[in-house]
């Protein structure tokens, strides 16, 4: 595969990259985008129509509650209970009672046009209905079997349909709901109150409900008989047996025998055991996504056209000039050193052509530069050897000084000059501290001891005018830090803090304390201090490691290069060993003094600090 790819020209490779990296991903993204959009539209349609189904369910539950309320009000009315208790067959009384029942139930039926009539029946077959009709004792219709009704009503306390869907002589499709009438005093059954629901009125009301553009509502009773259906008659058996199967989701898809796919939304009325379905043709859902599909196709065609234009432009603007430059290089390789590329352009190809021309013109200069590089390498080796020699000399000189100081101390002791002996012994001990241990790290106790030796020399030099104070807790004596970390700060305090001050109260305090997991070492003096600008420059040098000294005033320039540079070196050395968190900070006030705080890790006494 690799040799085939290498055999392709640059232009063919660019075309291949355009197709692979642009066209194919765009086609995939367009397909994925259209699919995602279709799913979103489907979810929105399902969610919207589930809300519609929920509204239909709420309306049915409201009607169920209204019917239940009518049954309760009718069953507990005292006059109606007396009518059911009355065993006489007085024609006039029965007429008056029938008129009363009709007027009372008409009031209950106001606002419920789907209720066809309300009927009460006692156990002897005496019956009144809201149409004003009356049937005397022992004339119970075969279609209204009292014993069956009472048996079914006794089994549950919720609203119960006491008959299958049936059609009256007036071609009304009816379903009846009943409730036992119990004596309010004794609790004994007096009869049954029945509400007949006109399903045609219910059909007309809910057939107006639109799901999407052409969706319809289907309502089945507990026996799976049609209550509401756009095509089936009320009371008919449902033919879609798969619809009667349990489905775990609120919606599902199904394709009929003719290959048409439908979206089914389902809900239930648990008290009545009725099933509510919404049926939406899938074509209606697809019509909602046609516009975005056309937009995706148009966008894809536009992109293909743009890729074609880009491919042509690449050939003209980039590939052809590179071909010309390739031919010039082949001529140069063949020995034509007078060839030049003449492209009137300032882009990368123009720069490449200019570089080609410069390469030809400066061939001799390149040879000279190679010679100069070799010469510089030789000089670097010479400088390295000189540095090694100087390092060797630097090692010899301190040992010579150390031996000389011991000789001076011995001579001063013989002559009885005690002060000179003490100073030379301190200098000798300091030099031994510097050279005696090959380790780069010492303990705080050793570093403080070194400062005390330095203190003795300062006492001799300044006549005891400077007071030194030391504070080192025993728990911190074994903490480790780089050798000669503290001495530069004491020396800075002497040089810059007390040189120009005449005072009998000159103090330098060196202390150490533990703070969380670190050790804080403080070097404080009550000397001259620094100006605010000089302090800012020193702190900037500590934080940035590089300081532009041109920004310093003459007054502060000496402060930084004599004090700040030494501090900066110690600061960077501590950070190299312990990390960016550690190092030093400087606080100073002109005429008050200077405080330098050094932070090192407290575990230095247990394990050696890490080196980067």
Protein backbone atom coordinates (compact mmCIF):
# COMPACT_ATOMS: atom_id res chain seq x y z
CA UNK A 1 0.00 0.00 0.00
CA UNK A 2 2.88 2.40 0.89
CA UNK A 3 4.56 2.16 -2.51
CA UNK A 4 1.29 2.85 -4.25
CA UNK A 5 0.70 5.94 -2.10
CA UNK A 6 4.25 7.18 -2.72
CA UNK A 7 3.71 6.75 -6.44
CA UNK A 8 0.82 9.23 -6.46
CA UNK A 9 1.46 12.82 -7.43
CA UNK A 10 1.01 15.66 -4.95
CA UNK A 11 -2.19 16.75 -6.68
CA UNK A 12 -3.74 13.27 -6.44
CA UNK A 13 -2.79 13.08 -2.77
CA UNK A 14 -4.47 16.42 -2.12
CA UNK A 15 -7.61 15.23 -3.89
CA UNK A 16 -7.59 12.04 -1.86
CA UNK A 17 -7.17 14.01 1.39
CA UNK A 18 -10.04 16.33 0.42
CA UNK A 19 -12.30 13.37 -0.22
CA UNK A 20 -11.28 11.45 2.91
CA UNK A 21 -11.07 14.36 5.33
CA UNK A 22 -13.84 16.56 3.95
CA UNK A 23 -16.38 14.85 1.71
CA UNK A 24 -16.75 11.50 3.49
CA UNK A 25 -16.97 13.07 6.99
CA UNK A 26 -19.50 15.59 5.69
CA UNK A 27 -21.65 12.81 4.26
CA UNK A 28 -21.42 10.89 7.53
CA UNK A 29 -22.10 14.00 9.62
CA UNK A 30 -25.04 14.93 7.42
CA UNK A 31 -26.51 11.45 7.78
CA UNK A 32 -25.91 11.41 11.53
CA UNK A 33 -27.27 14.95 11.87
CA UNK A 34 -30.41 14.09 9.93
CA UNK A 35 -30.86 10.95 12.03
CA UNK A 36 -30.40 12.88 15.28
CA UNK A 37 -32.79 15.59 14.12
CA UNK A 38 -35.36 12.97 13.12
CA UNK A 39 -35.06 11.35 16.54
CA UNK A 40 -35.49 14.73 18.24
CA UNK A 41 -38.55 15.50 16.11
CA UNK A 42 -39.94 12.04 16.91
CA UNK A 43 -39.37 12.59 20.64
CA UNK A 44 -41.07 15.98 20.45
CA UNK A 45 -44.01 14.51 18.54
CA UNK A 46 -44.31 11.63 21.01
CA UNK A 47 -44.06 13.99 23.98
CA UNK A 48 -46.63 16.41 22.53
CA UNK A 49 -49.12 13.70 21.63
CA UNK A 50 -48.62 11.88 24.93
CA UNK A 51 -49.70 15.13 26.55
CA UNK A 52 -52.77 15.13 24.29
CA UNK A 53 -53.52 11.52 25.27
CA UNK A 54 -53.05 12.57 28.88
CA UNK A 55 -55.56 15.38 28.39
CA UNK A 56 -58.06 12.93 26.89
CA UNK A 57 -57.44 10.60 29.83
CA UNK A 58 -58.01 13.50 32.24
CA UNK A 59 -61.29 14.37 30.50
CA UNK A 60 -62.45 10.76 30.76
CA UNK A 61 -61.48 10.66 34.42
CA UNK A 62 -63.41 13.91 34.98
CA UNK A 63 -66.45 12.36 33.32
CA UNK A 64 -65.94 9.24 35.42
CA UNK A 65 -65.85 11.39 38.55
CA UNK A 66 -68.99 13.26 37.42
CA UNK A 67 -70.86 9.99 36.88
CA UNK A 68 -69.68 8.68 40.24
CA UNK A 69 -70.83 11.91 41.88
CA UNK A 70 -74.26 11.68 40.20
CA UNK A 71 -74.64 8.09 41.39
CA UNK A 72 -73.74 9.07 44.95
CA UNK A 73 -76.06 12.08 45.04
CA UNK A 74 -78.92 10.00 43.64
CA UNK A 75 -78.35 7.08 46.00
CA UNK A 76 -78.27 9.16 49.21
CA UNK A 77 -81.21 11.46 48.42
CA UNK A 78 -83.86 10.85 51.18
CA UNK A 79 -86.85 11.13 48.83
CA UNK A 80 -85.31 8.68 46.38
CA UNK A 81 -84.64 6.23 49.21
CA UNK A 82 -88.32 6.57 50.23
CA UNK A 83 -89.35 5.87 46.63
CA UNK A 84 -87.37 2.61 46.67
CA UNK A 85 -88.77 1.64 50.08
CA UNK A 86 -92.41 2.33 49.05
CA UNK A 87 -94.22 -0.92 48.26
CA UNK A 88 -97.62 0.57 47.34
CA UNK A 89 -98.90 0.65 43.77
CA UNK A 90 -100.83 3.93 44.01
CA UNK A 91 -100.85 5.27 40.48
CA UNK A 92 -100.98 8.94 41.40
CA UNK A 93 -98.16 8.64 43.94
CA UNK A 94 -96.07 6.79 41.41
CA UNK A 95 -96.72 9.52 38.82
CA UNK A 96 -95.71 12.28 41.25
CA UNK A 97 -92.58 10.35 42.20
CA UNK A 98 -91.64 9.78 38.56
CA UNK A 99 -92.01 13.52 37.82
CA UNK A 100 -89.89 14.39 40.86
CA UNK A 101 -87.19 11.91 39.84
CA UNK A 102 -87.13 13.24 36.27
CA UNK A 103 -86.78 16.86 37.39
CA UNK A 104 -84.12 16.05 39.98
CA UNK A 105 -82.00 13.97 37.62
CA UNK A 106 -82.28 16.60 34.86
CA UNK A 107 -80.57 19.00 37.25
CA UNK A 108 -77.80 16.46 37.82
CA UNK A 109 -77.36 15.89 34.08
CA UNK A 110 -76.78 19.58 33.28
CA UNK A 111 -73.30 19.93 31.78
CA UNK A 112 -73.08 16.20 31.00
CA UNK A 113 -74.65 15.78 27.52
CA UNK A 114 -73.13 12.31 27.17
CA UNK A 115 -75.50 10.94 29.89
CA UNK A 116 -78.56 9.47 28.16
CA UNK A 117 -80.63 8.71 31.27
CA UNK A 118 -80.54 7.85 34.98
CA UNK A 119 -82.58 4.92 36.36
CA UNK A 120 -83.34 3.55 39.84
CA UNK A 121 -84.61 -0.02 40.45
CA UNK A 122 -85.49 -1.78 43.68
CA UNK A 123 -85.33 -5.49 44.33
CA UNK A 124 -89.01 -5.96 43.39
CA UNK A 125 -88.50 -4.49 39.94
CA UNK A 126 -89.99 -1.07 40.62
CA UNK A 127 -88.23 1.38 38.32
CA UNK A 128 -88.05 5.15 37.65
CA UNK A 129 -85.89 6.89 35.04
CA UNK A 130 -84.94 10.46 34.11
CA UNK A 131 -87.15 10.31 31.02
CA UNK A 132 -90.18 10.35 33.35
CA UNK A 133 -91.03 6.70 32.81
CA UNK A 134 -92.21 4.38 35.58
CA UNK A 135 -92.54 0.62 35.76
CA UNK A 136 -94.46 -0.94 38.65
CA UNK A 137 -93.41 -3.83 40.84
CA UNK A 138 -92.59 -7.28 39.34
CA UNK A 139 -91.86 -5.92 35.81
CA UNK A 140 -88.06 -6.02 35.74
CA UNK A 141 -86.79 -6.15 32.15
CA UNK A 142 -84.77 -9.14 31.07
CA UNK A 143 -81.95 -6.83 29.93
CA UNK A 144 -81.62 -5.41 33.41
CA UNK A 145 -81.25 -8.46 35.60
CA UNK A 146 -81.29 -7.11 39.11
CA UNK A 147 -79.53 -10.02 40.78
CA UNK A 148 -76.63 -9.94 38.33
CA UNK A 149 -76.27 -6.19 38.72
CA UNK A 150 -76.27 -6.29 42.51
CA UNK A 151 -73.81 -9.18 42.56
CA UNK A 152 -71.36 -7.28 40.31
CA UNK A 153 -71.76 -4.04 42.26
CA UNK A 154 -71.07 -5.76 45.57
CA UNK A 155 -67.66 -6.99 44.35
CA UNK A 156 -66.07 -3.54 44.08
CA UNK A 157 -66.27 -0.05 45.49
CA UNK A 158 -65.11 1.82 42.37
CA UNK A 159 -67.29 2.94 39.50
CA UNK A 160 -68.42 -0.20 37.64
CA UNK A 161 -69.87 -0.79 34.20
CA UNK A 162 -72.77 -3.17 34.85
CA UNK A 163 -73.54 -4.05 31.24
CA UNK A 164 -71.76 -4.58 27.95
CA UNK A 165 -72.19 -2.00 25.22
CA UNK A 166 -75.66 -2.33 23.71
CA UNK A 167 -77.77 -0.44 21.19
CA UNK A 168 -81.23 0.95 22.02
CA UNK A 169 -84.24 1.05 19.72
CA UNK A 170 -83.28 4.63 18.96
CA UNK A 171 -79.91 3.34 17.68
CA UNK A 172 -78.02 4.77 20.58
CA UNK A 173 -74.90 2.93 21.72
CA UNK A 174 -75.13 2.73 25.49
CA UNK A 175 -72.90 1.57 28.33
CA UNK A 176 -74.35 1.54 31.86
CA UNK A 177 -72.74 2.32 35.22
CA UNK A 178 -74.39 1.41 38.51
CA UNK A 179 -74.18 1.82 42.26
CA UNK A 180 -75.94 0.10 45.13
CA UNK A 181 -78.44 2.24 47.05
CA UNK A 182 -78.05 1.51 50.75
CA UNK A 183 -80.44 2.56 53.48
CA UNK A 184 -78.80 5.48 55.27
CA UNK A 185 -80.17 4.24 58.60
CA UNK A 186 -79.85 0.46 58.45
CA UNK A 187 -77.28 0.03 55.69
CA UNK A 188 -79.41 -2.56 53.94
CA UNK A 189 -79.63 -2.61 50.12
CA UNK A 190 -82.66 -0.75 48.76
CA UNK A 191 -81.95 -1.01 45.07
CA UNK A 192 -79.64 0.12 42.28
CA UNK A 193 -79.07 3.50 40.58
CA UNK A 194 -77.95 3.28 36.94
CA UNK A 195 -76.41 5.93 34.64
CA UNK A 196 -76.60 5.18 30.89
CA UNK A 197 -73.79 6.80 28.91
CA UNK A 198 -74.47 7.71 25.25
CA UNK A 199 -71.27 6.63 23.48
CA UNK A 200 -72.21 8.44 20.27
CA UNK A 201 -71.95 11.77 22.08
CA UNK A 202 -68.61 10.66 23.54
CA UNK A 203 -67.45 9.62 20.06
CA UNK A 204 -68.33 12.98 18.56
CA UNK A 205 -66.45 14.78 21.32
CA UNK A 206 -63.20 12.80 21.19
CA UNK A 207 -63.11 12.32 17.42
CA UNK A 208 -62.40 16.05 17.28
CA UNK A 209 -59.09 15.42 19.04
CA UNK A 210 -56.26 15.60 16.48
CA UNK A 211 -52.98 13.79 16.96
CA UNK A 212 -50.44 15.41 14.63
CA UNK A 213 -52.23 15.81 11.25
CA UNK A 214 -54.11 12.54 10.79
CA UNK A 215 -53.85 10.69 14.11
CA UNK A 216 -56.92 9.33 15.86
CA UNK A 217 -58.07 8.17 19.29
CA UNK A 218 -59.05 4.55 20.11
CA UNK A 219 -60.82 3.69 23.39
CA UNK A 220 -61.57 0.06 24.40
CA UNK A 221 -63.56 -1.20 27.37
CA UNK A 222 -62.43 -3.96 29.72
CA UNK A 223 -63.79 -6.60 27.30
CA UNK A 224 -61.78 -5.00 24.46
CA UNK A 225 -64.94 -3.72 22.80
CA UNK A 226 -64.72 -0.51 20.80
CA UNK A 227 -65.93 2.61 22.61
CA UNK A 228 -64.19 5.17 20.37
CA UNK A 229 -62.67 4.25 17.01
CA UNK A 230 -62.35 6.28 13.79
CA UNK A 231 -63.35 3.32 11.59
CA UNK A 232 -65.03 0.67 13.78
CA UNK A 233 -68.58 0.71 15.10
CA UNK A 234 -69.12 1.12 18.81
CA UNK A 235 -69.27 -2.24 20.56
CA UNK A 236 -67.36 -4.08 17.80
CA UNK A 237 -64.48 -6.41 18.55
CA UNK A 238 -61.01 -5.06 17.88
CA UNK A 239 -59.23 -6.85 15.02
CA UNK A 240 -55.71 -5.72 15.88
CA UNK A 241 -55.00 -8.53 18.33
CA UNK A 242 -51.40 -7.35 18.72
CA UNK A 243 -52.83 -4.12 20.14
CA UNK A 244 -54.21 -6.11 23.07
CA UNK A 245 -50.77 -7.39 24.02
CA UNK A 246 -48.94 -5.72 26.89
CA UNK A 247 -46.33 -3.17 25.82
CA UNK A 248 -43.86 -1.89 28.43
CA UNK A 249 -43.40 1.57 26.92
CA UNK A 250 -45.82 4.45 26.58
CA UNK A 251 -45.42 4.30 22.80
CA UNK A 252 -44.42 1.74 20.17
CA UNK A 253 -44.35 1.25 16.39
CA UNK A 254 -46.24 -1.37 14.41
CA UNK A 255 -46.57 -2.14 10.72
CA UNK A 256 -49.91 -3.42 9.42
CA UNK A 257 -50.53 -6.10 6.80
CA UNK A 258 -50.36 -3.51 4.03
CA UNK A 259 -46.88 -2.42 5.11
CA UNK A 260 -47.99 0.90 6.58
CA UNK A 261 -46.24 1.84 9.80
CA UNK A 262 -48.02 3.56 12.69
CA UNK A 263 -46.99 5.11 15.98
CA UNK A 264 -49.16 3.93 18.87
CA UNK A 265 -49.42 5.85 22.15
CA UNK A 266 -51.07 4.01 25.04
CA UNK A 267 -52.61 4.83 28.39
CA UNK A 268 -55.15 3.27 30.78
CA UNK A 269 -58.13 4.17 32.95
CA UNK A 270 -57.40 1.76 35.84
CA UNK A 271 -60.72 2.20 37.66
CA UNK A 272 -62.77 1.34 34.57
CA UNK A 273 -60.12 -1.02 33.11
CA UNK A 274 -60.42 0.85 29.82
CA UNK A 275 -57.53 1.13 27.37
CA UNK A 276 -56.78 4.40 25.55
CA UNK A 277 -54.66 4.49 22.38
CA UNK A 278 -53.45 7.22 20.04
CA UNK A 279 -52.70 6.12 16.46
CA UNK A 280 -50.47 8.31 14.22
CA UNK A 281 -49.39 7.31 10.67
CA UNK A 282 -45.61 7.33 10.37
CA UNK A 283 -45.91 9.22 7.08
CA UNK A 284 -47.17 12.21 9.04
CA UNK A 285 -44.05 12.11 11.19
CA UNK A 286 -41.80 11.89 8.12
CA UNK A 287 -43.46 14.96 6.62
CA UNK A 288 -42.24 16.93 9.62
CA UNK A 289 -38.63 16.07 8.73
CA UNK A 290 -38.84 16.62 4.95
CA UNK A 291 -37.69 20.24 5.13
CA UNK A 292 -34.60 19.51 7.16
CA UNK A 293 -33.81 16.51 4.94
CA UNK A 294 -33.94 18.75 1.86
CA UNK A 295 -31.73 21.28 3.64
CA UNK A 296 -29.16 18.58 4.42
CA UNK A 297 -29.15 17.41 0.79
CA UNK A 298 -28.79 20.97 -0.51
CA UNK A 299 -25.99 21.63 1.97
CA UNK A 300 -24.20 18.45 0.88
CA UNK A 301 -24.43 19.40 -2.81
CA UNK A 302 -23.07 22.86 -2.04
CA UNK A 303 -20.14 21.35 -0.14
CA UNK A 304 -19.36 18.99 -3.02
CA UNK A 305 -19.32 21.97 -5.37
CA UNK A 306 -17.05 23.91 -3.02
CA UNK A 307 -14.67 20.95 -2.77
CA UNK A 308 -14.49 20.84 -6.58
CA UNK A 309 -13.63 24.55 -6.71
CA UNK A 310 -11.03 24.08 -3.97
CA UNK A 311 -9.44 21.18 -5.87
CA UNK A 312 -9.14 23.28 -9.05
CA UNK A 313 -7.73 26.22 -7.08
CA UNK A 314 -5.16 24.01 -5.36
CA UNK A 315 -3.90 22.81 -8.73
CA UNK A 316 -3.53 26.32 -10.09
CA UNK A 317 -2.28 28.18 -7.02
CA UNK A 318 -0.09 25.59 -5.28
CA UNK A 319 0.63 22.47 -7.31
CA UNK A 320 1.66 24.09 -10.60
CA UNK A 321 4.25 26.48 -9.01
CA UNK A 322 5.71 23.56 -7.07
CA UNK A 323 6.08 21.62 -10.33
CA UNK A 324 7.99 24.56 -11.84
CA UNK A 325 10.23 24.84 -8.78
CA UNK A 326 10.88 21.09 -8.96
CA UNK A 327 12.06 21.44 -12.57
CA UNK A 328 14.44 24.28 -11.58
CA UNK A 329 15.93 22.14 -8.82
CA UNK A 330 16.48 19.27 -11.26
CA UNK A 331 18.33 21.65 -13.58
CA UNK A 332 20.42 22.93 -10.64
CA UNK A 333 21.19 19.34 -9.67
CA UNK A 334 22.35 18.74 -13.24
CA UNK A 335 24.89 21.57 -12.91
CA UNK A 336 23.05 24.68 -14.12
CA UNK A 337 24.03 27.05 -11.31
CA UNK A 338 22.64 30.11 -13.11
CA UNK A 339 18.98 29.04 -12.77
CA UNK A 340 16.69 31.30 -10.75
CA UNK A 341 13.06 30.99 -9.64
CA UNK A 342 10.97 34.03 -10.58
CA UNK A 343 7.62 33.91 -8.76
CA UNK A 344 5.86 37.21 -8.12
CA UNK A 345 4.27 36.17 -4.84
CA UNK A 346 4.87 36.72 -1.12
CA UNK A 347 3.38 33.54 0.34
CA UNK A 348 5.18 30.36 1.41
CA UNK A 349 5.83 29.27 -2.18
CA UNK A 350 7.29 32.69 -2.97
CA UNK A 351 9.45 32.43 0.13
CA UNK A 352 10.52 28.94 -0.93
CA UNK A 353 11.56 30.26 -4.33
CA UNK A 354 13.44 33.12 -2.70
CA UNK A 355 15.17 30.63 -0.40
CA UNK A 356 16.16 28.57 -3.44
CA UNK A 357 17.73 31.65 -5.04
CA UNK A 358 19.53 32.55 -1.81
CA UNK A 359 20.80 28.96 -1.53
CA UNK A 360 22.43 29.21 -4.94
CA UNK A 361 23.88 32.67 -4.28
CA UNK A 362 25.32 31.79 -0.89
CA UNK A 363 26.84 28.42 -1.59
CA UNK A 364 30.32 29.77 -0.98
CA UNK A 365 29.20 31.53 2.19
CA UNK A 366 27.80 28.26 3.51
CA UNK A 367 31.18 26.61 3.04
CA UNK A 368 32.81 29.46 4.97
CA UNK A 369 30.23 29.12 7.72
CA UNK A 370 30.99 25.41 8.07
CA UNK A 371 34.65 26.29 8.48
CA UNK A 372 33.79 28.91 11.12
CA UNK A 373 31.72 26.38 13.06
CA UNK A 374 34.66 23.99 13.19
CA UNK A 375 36.90 26.82 14.41
CA UNK A 376 34.41 27.74 17.15
CA UNK A 377 34.27 24.14 18.31
CA UNK A 378 38.05 24.14 18.70
CA UNK A 379 37.90 27.35 20.73
CA UNK A 380 35.20 25.90 22.97
CA UNK A 381 37.40 22.89 23.71
CA UNK A 382 40.27 25.25 24.59
CA UNK A 383 38.05 27.27 26.96
CA UNK A 384 36.91 24.06 28.61
CA UNK A 385 40.48 22.98 29.27
CA UNK A 386 41.27 26.41 30.72
CA UNK A 387 38.24 26.19 33.05
CA UNK A 388 39.35 22.77 34.24
CA UNK A 389 42.82 24.15 34.97
CA UNK A 390 41.37 27.11 36.90
CA UNK A 391 39.17 24.76 38.92
CA UNK A 392 42.24 22.72 39.85
CA UNK A 393 44.08 25.89 40.90
CA UNK A 394 41.04 26.98 42.95
CA UNK A 395 41.24 23.72 44.87
CA UNK A 396 44.96 24.15 45.60
CA UNK A 397 44.73 27.80 46.78
CA UNK A 398 42.19 27.30 49.68
CA UNK A 399 44.27 24.41 51.08
CA UNK A 400 47.32 26.64 50.99
CA UNK A 401 45.38 29.39 52.80
CA UNK A 402 44.09 26.92 55.38
CA UNK A 403 47.65 25.75 56.19
CA UNK A 404 48.88 29.37 56.29
CA UNK A 405 46.12 30.39 58.76
CA UNK A 406 47.06 27.51 61.06
CA UNK A 407 50.68 28.71 60.98
CA UNK A 408 49.59 32.29 61.86
CA UNK A 409 47.43 31.00 64.73
CA UNK A 410 50.35 28.96 66.11
CA UNK A 411 52.67 31.95 65.80
CA UNK A 412 50.16 34.28 67.55
CA UNK A 413 49.78 31.75 70.36
CA UNK A 414 53.58 31.68 70.87
CA UNK A 415 53.72 35.46 70.94
CA UNK A 416 50.72 35.71 73.31
CA UNK A 417 48.52 37.75 70.92
CA UNK A 418 45.19 36.24 71.93
CA UNK A 419 42.94 38.33 69.62
CA UNK A 420 44.89 37.41 66.48
CA UNK A 421 44.87 33.76 67.53
CA UNK A 422 41.05 33.74 67.94
CA UNK A 423 40.48 35.45 64.60
CA UNK A 424 42.81 33.16 62.70
CA UNK A 425 41.30 30.10 64.38
CA UNK A 426 37.82 31.28 63.34
CA UNK A 427 39.00 31.92 59.79
CA UNK A 428 40.65 28.51 59.73
CA UNK A 429 37.48 26.82 61.01
CA UNK A 430 35.38 28.66 58.41
CA UNK A 431 37.75 27.57 55.65
CA UNK A 432 37.68 24.01 56.97
CA UNK A 433 33.84 24.17 56.98
CA UNK A 434 33.97 25.20 53.34
CA UNK A 435 36.42 22.49 52.23
CA UNK A 436 36.23 19.78 54.86
CA UNK A 437 32.98 18.05 53.82
CA UNK A 438 32.34 17.02 50.22
CA UNK A 439 28.57 17.03 50.80
CA UNK A 440 26.64 19.98 49.39
CA UNK A 441 24.20 19.86 52.33
CA UNK A 442 24.73 20.55 56.02
CA UNK A 443 22.49 20.65 59.08
CA UNK A 444 21.02 23.86 60.47
CA UNK A 445 23.15 23.34 63.58
CA UNK A 446 26.34 23.30 61.44
CA UNK A 447 25.21 26.35 59.47
CA UNK A 448 24.47 28.29 62.69
CA UNK A 449 27.89 27.26 64.10
CA UNK A 450 29.51 28.61 60.93
CA UNK A 451 27.68 31.93 61.43
CA UNK A 452 28.97 32.13 65.00
CA UNK A 453 32.54 31.75 63.67
CA UNK A 454 31.78 34.55 61.25
CA UNK A 455 30.36 36.51 64.23
CA UNK A 456 33.72 36.29 66.06
CA UNK A 457 35.53 37.78 63.07
CA UNK A 458 32.95 40.59 62.81
CA UNK A 459 33.37 41.34 66.53
CA UNK A 460 37.10 41.73 65.98
CA UNK A 461 36.60 43.88 62.90
CA UNK A 462 33.90 46.21 64.28
CA UNK A 463 35.04 46.24 67.86
CA UNK A 464 31.95 44.46 69.21
CA UNK A 465 29.58 47.22 68.03
CA UNK A 466 27.21 44.76 66.36
CA UNK A 467 25.12 42.40 68.50
CA UNK A 468 24.27 38.95 67.10
CA UNK A 469 21.27 36.92 68.34
CA UNK A 470 20.60 33.27 67.52
CA UNK A 471 17.46 31.17 68.01
CA UNK A 472 17.51 27.52 66.89
CA UNK A 473 15.10 25.00 68.52
CA UNK A 474 16.57 21.55 69.22
CA UNK A 475 13.93 19.91 67.02
CA UNK A 476 15.24 21.76 63.96
CA UNK A 477 18.97 21.24 64.41
CA UNK A 478 19.12 18.23 62.09
CA UNK A 479 17.18 19.88 59.24
CA UNK A 480 19.23 19.97 56.03
CA UNK A 481 19.94 22.92 53.73
CA UNK A 482 22.60 23.78 51.12
CA UNK A 483 25.99 24.77 52.52
CA UNK A 484 26.65 28.54 52.96
CA UNK A 485 22.99 29.50 52.50
CA UNK A 486 22.78 31.99 55.40
CA UNK A 487 26.22 33.66 55.43
CA UNK A 488 25.55 35.88 52.31
CA UNK A 489 22.54 37.48 54.05
CA UNK A 490 24.56 38.31 57.19
CA UNK A 491 27.30 39.73 55.01
CA UNK A 492 24.74 41.84 53.09
CA UNK A 493 23.40 43.20 56.38
CA UNK A 494 26.90 44.23 57.45
CA UNK A 495 27.81 45.79 54.13
CA UNK A 496 24.59 47.58 53.23
CA UNK A 497 22.81 47.89 56.54
CA UNK A 498 25.46 49.25 58.91
CA UNK A 499 28.26 50.79 56.80
CA UNK A 500 26.77 54.30 56.77
CA UNK A 501 25.03 54.17 60.16
CA UNK A 502 26.44 55.51 63.40
CA UNK A 503 24.61 53.72 66.20
CA UNK A 504 25.36 51.81 69.38
CA UNK A 505 22.35 49.51 68.89
CA UNK A 506 23.21 47.50 65.80
CA UNK A 507 21.57 44.06 65.82
CA UNK A 508 21.44 41.04 63.57
CA UNK A 509 19.03 38.25 64.58
CA UNK A 510 19.08 34.78 62.98
CA UNK A 511 16.22 32.48 64.00
CA UNK A 512 14.45 29.33 62.80
CA UNK A 513 10.92 28.06 63.40
CA UNK A 514 8.64 25.34 62.06
CA UNK A 515 5.54 26.29 60.07
CA UNK A 516 3.26 23.40 58.99
CA UNK A 517 5.53 21.07 56.98
CA UNK A 518 8.27 23.67 56.35
CA UNK A 519 11.03 25.49 58.22
CA UNK A 520 11.19 29.29 58.16
CA UNK A 521 14.64 30.85 58.73
CA UNK A 522 14.70 34.61 59.40
CA UNK A 523 17.67 36.99 59.07
CA UNK A 524 16.76 40.41 60.50
CA UNK A 525 18.79 43.57 60.93
CA UNK A 526 17.92 47.07 62.13
CA UNK A 527 20.18 48.71 59.58
CA UNK A 528 19.52 51.28 56.86
CA UNK A 529 16.93 49.23 54.92
CA UNK A 530 16.03 49.80 51.26
CA UNK A 531 13.88 52.23 49.33
CA UNK A 532 10.47 51.02 48.19
CA UNK A 533 11.62 51.05 44.56
CA UNK A 534 14.79 49.13 45.37
CA UNK A 535 12.81 46.51 47.31
CA UNK A 536 10.40 46.06 44.37
CA UNK A 537 13.33 45.50 41.99
CA UNK A 538 14.90 42.92 44.32
CA UNK A 539 11.61 41.03 44.74
CA UNK A 540 10.99 41.19 41.00
CA UNK A 541 14.43 39.69 40.43
CA UNK A 542 13.59 36.88 42.86
CA UNK A 543 10.28 36.07 41.14
CA UNK A 544 11.34 36.48 37.52
CA UNK A 545 14.95 35.22 37.77
CA UNK A 546 15.80 37.76 35.01
CA UNK A 547 15.81 41.49 35.75
CA UNK A 548 16.24 44.31 33.29
CA UNK A 549 18.70 46.52 35.18
CA UNK A 550 18.11 49.40 32.77
CA UNK A 551 14.88 50.06 34.68
CA UNK A 552 16.81 50.71 37.94
CA UNK A 553 17.76 54.14 39.19
CA UNK A 554 21.39 54.78 40.04
CA UNK A 555 20.48 54.64 43.72
CA UNK A 556 18.81 51.21 43.41
CA UNK A 557 21.13 49.71 40.81
CA UNK A 558 23.91 49.28 43.34
CA UNK A 559 21.40 47.85 45.83
CA UNK A 560 20.28 45.13 43.43
CA UNK A 561 23.62 44.12 41.96
CA UNK A 562 25.35 44.03 45.31
CA UNK A 563 22.48 42.60 47.36
CA UNK A 564 19.74 41.44 44.95
CA UNK A 565 21.94 39.37 42.68
CA UNK A 566 23.36 37.39 45.64
CA UNK A 567 19.87 36.86 47.00
CA UNK A 568 18.64 35.80 43.57
CA UNK A 569 21.40 33.20 43.28
CA UNK A 570 20.55 31.70 46.68
CA UNK A 571 16.84 31.85 45.85
CA UNK A 572 17.29 29.98 42.57
CA UNK A 573 19.58 27.44 44.23
CA UNK A 574 16.95 26.65 46.89
CA UNK A 575 14.23 26.31 44.25
CA UNK A 576 16.40 24.00 42.16
CA UNK A 577 16.89 21.71 45.16
CA UNK A 578 13.52 21.86 46.89
CA UNK A 579 10.98 23.12 44.31
CA UNK A 580 9.19 26.32 43.29
CA UNK A 581 7.37 26.55 46.62
CA UNK A 582 10.63 27.23 48.48
CA UNK A 583 13.13 30.06 48.45
CA UNK A 584 13.29 33.45 50.11
CA UNK A 585 11.27 36.64 50.53
CA UNK A 586 12.54 40.13 51.37
CA UNK A 587 10.84 42.85 53.41
CA UNK A 588 12.57 46.17 54.05
CA UNK A 589 11.77 49.71 55.09
CA UNK A 590 14.13 52.63 54.65
CA UNK A 591 15.54 53.70 58.01
CA UNK A 592 13.97 50.73 59.86
CA UNK A 593 15.74 47.59 58.70
CA UNK A 594 15.47 44.47 56.55
CA UNK A 595 13.89 41.02 57.11
CA UNK A 596 14.80 38.05 54.91
CA UNK A 597 12.80 34.82 55.32
CA UNK A 598 14.07 31.55 53.86
CA UNK A 599 11.63 28.62 53.45
CA UNK A 600 12.95 25.03 53.26
CA UNK A 601 11.19 21.66 53.79
CA UNK A 602 11.18 20.36 57.36
CA UNK A 603 11.87 16.76 56.33
CA UNK A 604 15.38 17.68 55.27
CA UNK A 605 16.74 16.23 58.49
CA UNK A 606 15.35 12.77 57.66
CA UNK A 607 15.78 12.46 53.92
CA UNK A 608 18.09 14.31 51.57
CA UNK A 609 16.31 17.05 49.54
CA UNK A 610 15.54 16.18 46.00
CA UNK A 611 17.67 17.51 43.18
CA UNK A 612 16.20 18.36 39.83
